[in-house]
Amino acid sequence: MDVSAALALLAIEAAYAEPAAWLLSSAHFRNDLWLLRDLAALDLIRGELADRPVVLEEELDRLRPLDTATLGAVPAVKVIFGPGTCVVNPLPGEREEASR
Protein backbone atom coordinates (compact mmCIF):
# COMPACT_ATOMS: atom_id res chain seq x y z
CA MET A 1 0.00 0.00 0.00
CA ASP A 2 1.45 3.36 -0.95
CA VAL A 3 1.20 6.58 1.02
CA SER A 4 -1.85 7.76 -0.97
CA ALA A 5 -3.73 4.54 -0.22
CA ALA A 6 -2.77 4.82 3.45
CA LEU A 7 -4.11 8.37 3.56
CA ALA A 8 -7.36 7.19 1.96
CA LEU A 9 -7.69 4.46 4.58
CA LEU A 10 -7.15 6.99 7.35
CA ALA A 11 -9.70 9.35 5.81
CA ILE A 12 -12.31 6.58 5.97
CA GLU A 13 -11.44 5.85 9.59
CA ALA A 14 -11.40 9.54 10.58
CA ALA A 15 -15.00 9.34 11.75
CA TYR A 16 -13.96 7.05 14.60
CA ALA A 17 -12.36 8.57 17.69
CA GLU A 18 -10.86 5.40 19.17
CA PRO A 19 -7.24 4.38 18.49
CA ALA A 20 -6.68 2.35 15.34
CA ALA A 21 -3.76 0.32 13.97
CA TRP A 22 -3.29 -1.52 10.68
CA LEU A 23 -0.61 -4.05 9.68
CA LEU A 24 0.37 -3.25 6.09
CA SER A 25 2.73 -4.75 3.55
CA SER A 26 4.63 -2.08 1.67
CA ALA A 27 6.92 -2.40 -1.34
CA HIS A 28 8.34 1.05 -0.54
CA PHE A 29 9.27 -0.03 2.98
CA ARG A 30 10.28 -3.54 1.80
CA ASN A 31 8.62 -4.91 4.91
CA ASP A 32 5.42 -5.20 6.88
CA LEU A 33 4.77 -2.15 9.00
CA TRP A 34 2.23 -0.90 11.47
CA LEU A 35 0.30 2.23 10.54
CA LEU A 36 -1.14 3.92 13.63
CA ARG A 37 -3.61 6.75 13.84
CA ASP A 38 -1.69 8.04 16.88
CA LEU A 39 0.54 6.82 19.71
CA ALA A 40 -2.54 5.84 21.74
CA ALA A 41 -3.00 2.98 19.26
CA LEU A 42 0.39 1.58 20.31
CA ASP A 43 -1.33 -0.08 23.28
CA LEU A 44 -3.41 -2.10 20.80
CA ILE A 45 -0.38 -3.71 19.16
CA ARG A 46 2.37 -3.68 21.81
CA GLY A 47 2.42 -7.49 22.01
CA GLU A 48 2.50 -7.85 18.22
CA LEU A 49 5.28 -5.48 17.19
CA ALA A 50 7.72 -8.33 16.31
CA ASP A 51 10.44 -5.96 15.06
CA ARG A 52 8.06 -4.30 12.62
CA PRO A 53 8.36 -0.55 12.20
CA VAL A 54 5.57 1.73 13.39
CA VAL A 55 4.51 4.67 11.20
CA LEU A 56 2.18 7.31 12.57
CA GLU A 57 -0.49 9.02 10.49
CA GLU A 58 1.17 12.39 11.11
CA GLU A 59 4.37 11.13 9.43
CA LEU A 60 2.85 10.20 6.07
CA ASP A 61 3.17 13.67 4.54
CA ARG A 62 6.82 13.83 5.69
CA LEU A 63 7.59 10.46 4.08
CA ARG A 64 6.07 11.32 0.71
CA PRO A 65 8.93 13.51 -0.63
CA LEU A 66 11.72 11.10 0.40
CA ASP A 67 13.69 9.33 -2.31
CA THR A 68 13.47 5.53 -2.53
CA ALA A 69 16.79 4.88 -0.77
CA THR A 70 15.95 7.13 2.17
CA LEU A 71 12.42 5.76 2.39
CA GLY A 72 13.83 2.24 2.42
CA ALA A 73 16.09 3.12 5.40
CA VAL A 74 13.28 4.56 7.54
CA PRO A 75 11.85 1.20 8.76
CA ALA A 76 15.23 -0.09 9.95
CA VAL A 77 15.86 3.11 11.88
CA LYS A 78 12.38 3.01 13.40
CA VAL A 79 12.89 -0.59 14.55
CA ILE A 80 16.24 0.30 16.15
CA PHE A 81 14.96 3.39 17.97
CA GLY A 82 11.52 2.02 18.85
CA PRO A 83 7.88 2.64 18.07
CA GLY A 84 7.88 6.18 19.45
CA THR A 85 10.40 7.31 16.81
CA CYS A 86 8.92 9.94 14.51
CA VAL A 87 10.09 11.36 11.18
CA VAL A 88 10.22 15.15 11.49
CA ASN A 89 10.56 17.95 8.98
CA PRO A 90 14.14 19.18 8.54
CA LEU A 91 15.07 22.61 9.79
CA PRO A 92 15.31 25.29 7.07
CA GLY A 93 18.54 24.82 5.14
CA GLU A 94 19.29 21.31 6.44
CA ARG A 95 17.75 19.54 3.45
CA GLU A 96 19.92 21.52 1.03
CA GLU A 97 23.03 20.88 3.15
CA ALA A 98 22.36 17.14 3.34
CA SER A 99 22.00 16.84 -0.42
CA ARG A 100 25.53 18.23 -1.07
C-alpha atoms as a PDB file:
ATOM      1  CA  MET A   1       0.000   0.000   0.000  1.00  0.00           C
ATOM      2  CA  ASP A   2       1.451   3.360  -0.951  1.00  0.00           C
ATOM      3  CA  VAL A   3       1.196   6.582   1.025  1.00  0.00           C
ATOM      4  CA  SER A   4      -1.851   7.758  -0.973  1.00  0.00           C
ATOM      5  CA  ALA A   5      -3.734   4.544  -0.218  1.00  0.00           C
ATOM      6  CA  ALA A   6      -2.775   4.816   3.454  1.00  0.00           C
ATOM      7  CA  LEU A   7      -4.111   8.369   3.559  1.00  0.00           C
ATOM      8  CA  ALA A   8      -7.365   7.185   1.958  1.00  0.00           C
ATOM      9  CA  LEU A   9      -7.686   4.458   4.584  1.00  0.00           C
ATOM     10  CA  LEU A  10      -7.149   6.990   7.353  1.00  0.00           C
ATOM     11  CA  ALA A  11      -9.702   9.347   5.813  1.00  0.00           C
ATOM     12  CA  ILE A  12     -12.307   6.582   5.967  1.00  0.00           C
ATOM     13  CA  GLU A  13     -11.436   5.848   9.591  1.00  0.00           C
ATOM     14  CA  ALA A  14     -11.397   9.541  10.577  1.00  0.00           C
ATOM     15  CA  ALA A  15     -14.999   9.335  11.752  1.00  0.00           C
ATOM     16  CA  TYR A  16     -13.957   7.054  14.600  1.00  0.00           C
ATOM     17  CA  ALA A  17     -12.361   8.566  17.689  1.00  0.00           C
ATOM     18  CA  GLU A  18     -10.861   5.397  19.170  1.00  0.00           C
ATOM     19  CA  PRO A  19      -7.243   4.382  18.486  1.00  0.00           C
ATOM     20  CA  ALA A  20      -6.676   2.351  15.338  1.00  0.00           C
ATOM     21  CA  ALA A  21      -3.756   0.322  13.965  1.00  0.00           C
ATOM     22  CA  TRP A  22      -3.285  -1.522  10.677  1.00  0.00           C
ATOM     23  CA  LEU A  23      -0.612  -4.049   9.685  1.00  0.00           C
ATOM     24  CA  LEU A  24       0.366  -3.247   6.087  1.00  0.00           C
ATOM     25  CA  SER A  25       2.728  -4.747   3.551  1.00  0.00           C
ATOM     26  CA  SER A  26       4.629  -2.083   1.670  1.00  0.00           C
ATOM     27  CA  ALA A  27       6.918  -2.401  -1.343  1.00  0.00           C
ATOM     28  CA  HIS A  28       8.342   1.050  -0.544  1.00  0.00           C
ATOM     29  CA  PHE A  29       9.275  -0.031   2.978  1.00  0.00           C
ATOM     30  CA  ARG A  30      10.281  -3.537   1.799  1.00  0.00           C
ATOM     31  CA  ASN A  31       8.622  -4.907   4.915  1.00  0.00           C
ATOM     32  CA  ASP A  32       5.420  -5.198   6.876  1.00  0.00           C
ATOM     33  CA  LEU A  33       4.772  -2.152   9.004  1.00  0.00           C
ATOM     34  CA  TRP A  34       2.234  -0.903  11.474  1.00  0.00           C
ATOM     35  CA  LEU A  35       0.295   2.232  10.537  1.00  0.00           C
ATOM     36  CA  LEU A  36      -1.137   3.920  13.626  1.00  0.00           C
ATOM     37  CA  ARG A  37      -3.607   6.753  13.837  1.00  0.00           C
ATOM     38  CA  ASP A  38      -1.690   8.041  16.875  1.00  0.00           C
ATOM     39  CA  LEU A  39       0.539   6.819  19.706  1.00  0.00           C
ATOM     40  CA  ALA A  40      -2.539   5.839  21.737  1.00  0.00           C
ATOM     41  CA  ALA A  41      -2.996   2.975  19.260  1.00  0.00           C
ATOM     42  CA  LEU A  42       0.389   1.578  20.314  1.00  0.00           C
ATOM     43  CA  ASP A  43      -1.330  -0.083  23.282  1.00  0.00           C
ATOM     44  CA  LEU A  44      -3.413  -2.104  20.801  1.00  0.00           C
ATOM     45  CA  ILE A  45      -0.376  -3.714  19.165  1.00  0.00           C
ATOM     46  CA  ARG A  46       2.371  -3.677  21.809  1.00  0.00           C
ATOM     47  CA  GLY A  47       2.418  -7.491  22.006  1.00  0.00           C
ATOM     48  CA  GLU A  48       2.501  -7.855  18.218  1.00  0.00           C
ATOM     49  CA  LEU A  49       5.285  -5.479  17.186  1.00  0.00           C
ATOM     50  CA  ALA A  50       7.716  -8.326  16.312  1.00  0.00           C
ATOM     51  CA  ASP A  51      10.437  -5.959  15.064  1.00  0.00           C
ATOM     52  CA  ARG A  52       8.060  -4.304  12.624  1.00  0.00           C
ATOM     53  CA  PRO A  53       8.357  -0.547  12.202  1.00  0.00           C
ATOM     54  CA  VAL A  54       5.570   1.734  13.394  1.00  0.00           C
ATOM     55  CA  VAL A  55       4.509   4.665  11.204  1.00  0.00           C
ATOM     56  CA  LEU A  56       2.180   7.312  12.574  1.00  0.00           C
ATOM     57  CA  GLU A  57      -0.485   9.016  10.493  1.00  0.00           C
ATOM     58  CA  GLU A  58       1.170  12.386  11.114  1.00  0.00           C
ATOM     59  CA  GLU A  59       4.373  11.126   9.426  1.00  0.00           C
ATOM     60  CA  LEU A  60       2.854  10.198   6.066  1.00  0.00           C
ATOM     61  CA  ASP A  61       3.171  13.673   4.539  1.00  0.00           C
ATOM     62  CA  ARG A  62       6.816  13.825   5.690  1.00  0.00           C
ATOM     63  CA  LEU A  63       7.592  10.457   4.082  1.00  0.00           C
ATOM     64  CA  ARG A  64       6.069  11.318   0.705  1.00  0.00           C
ATOM     65  CA  PRO A  65       8.935  13.514  -0.629  1.00  0.00           C
ATOM     66  CA  LEU A  66      11.717  11.097   0.399  1.00  0.00           C
ATOM     67  CA  ASP A  67      13.689   9.331  -2.309  1.00  0.00           C
ATOM     68  CA  THR A  68      13.473   5.528  -2.527  1.00  0.00           C
ATOM     69  CA  ALA A  69      16.791   4.880  -0.766  1.00  0.00           C
ATOM     70  CA  THR A  70      15.949   7.131   2.172  1.00  0.00           C
ATOM     71  CA  LEU A  71      12.420   5.762   2.391  1.00  0.00           C
ATOM     72  CA  GLY A  72      13.833   2.245   2.423  1.00  0.00           C
ATOM     73  CA  ALA A  73      16.087   3.121   5.397  1.00  0.00           C
ATOM     74  CA  VAL A  74      13.277   4.559   7.538  1.00  0.00           C
ATOM     75  CA  PRO A  75      11.852   1.203   8.757  1.00  0.00           C
ATOM     76  CA  ALA A  76      15.235  -0.088   9.948  1.00  0.00           C
ATOM     77  CA  VAL A  77      15.858   3.114  11.882  1.00  0.00           C
ATOM     78  CA  LYS A  78      12.381   3.010  13.399  1.00  0.00           C
ATOM     79  CA  VAL A  79      12.891  -0.594  14.552  1.00  0.00           C
ATOM     80  CA  ILE A  80      16.241   0.304  16.155  1.00  0.00           C
ATOM     81  CA  PHE A  81      14.963   3.389  17.971  1.00  0.00           C
ATOM     82  CA  GLY A  82      11.523   2.017  18.847  1.00  0.00           C
ATOM     83  CA  PRO A  83       7.879   2.635  18.071  1.00  0.00           C
ATOM     84  CA  GLY A  84       7.882   6.184  19.450  1.00  0.00           C
ATOM     85  CA  THR A  85      10.402   7.309  16.810  1.00  0.00           C
ATOM     86  CA  CYS A  86       8.915   9.940  14.513  1.00  0.00           C
ATOM     87  CA  VAL A  87      10.090  11.360  11.185  1.00  0.00           C
ATOM     88  CA  VAL A  88      10.224  15.148  11.486  1.00  0.00           C
ATOM     89  CA  ASN A  89      10.561  17.949   8.982  1.00  0.00           C
ATOM     90  CA  PRO A  90      14.139  19.178   8.541  1.00  0.00           C
ATOM     91  CA  LEU A  91      15.072  22.613   9.794  1.00  0.00           C
ATOM     92  CA  PRO A  92      15.313  25.295   7.075  1.00  0.00           C
ATOM     93  CA  GLY A  93      18.542  24.819   5.140  1.00  0.00           C
ATOM     94  CA  GLU A  94      19.292  21.309   6.445  1.00  0.00           C
ATOM     95  CA  ARG A  95      17.755  19.541   3.453  1.00  0.00           C
ATOM     96  CA  GLU A  96      19.919  21.523   1.035  1.00  0.00           C
ATOM     97  CA  GLU A  97      23.028  20.883   3.147  1.00  0.00           C
ATOM     98  CA  ALA A  98      22.364  17.137   3.344  1.00  0.00           C
ATOM     99  CA  SER A  99      21.999  16.838  -0.419  1.00  0.00           C
ATOM    100  CA  ARG A 100      25.526  18.227  -1.067  1.00  0.00           C
END
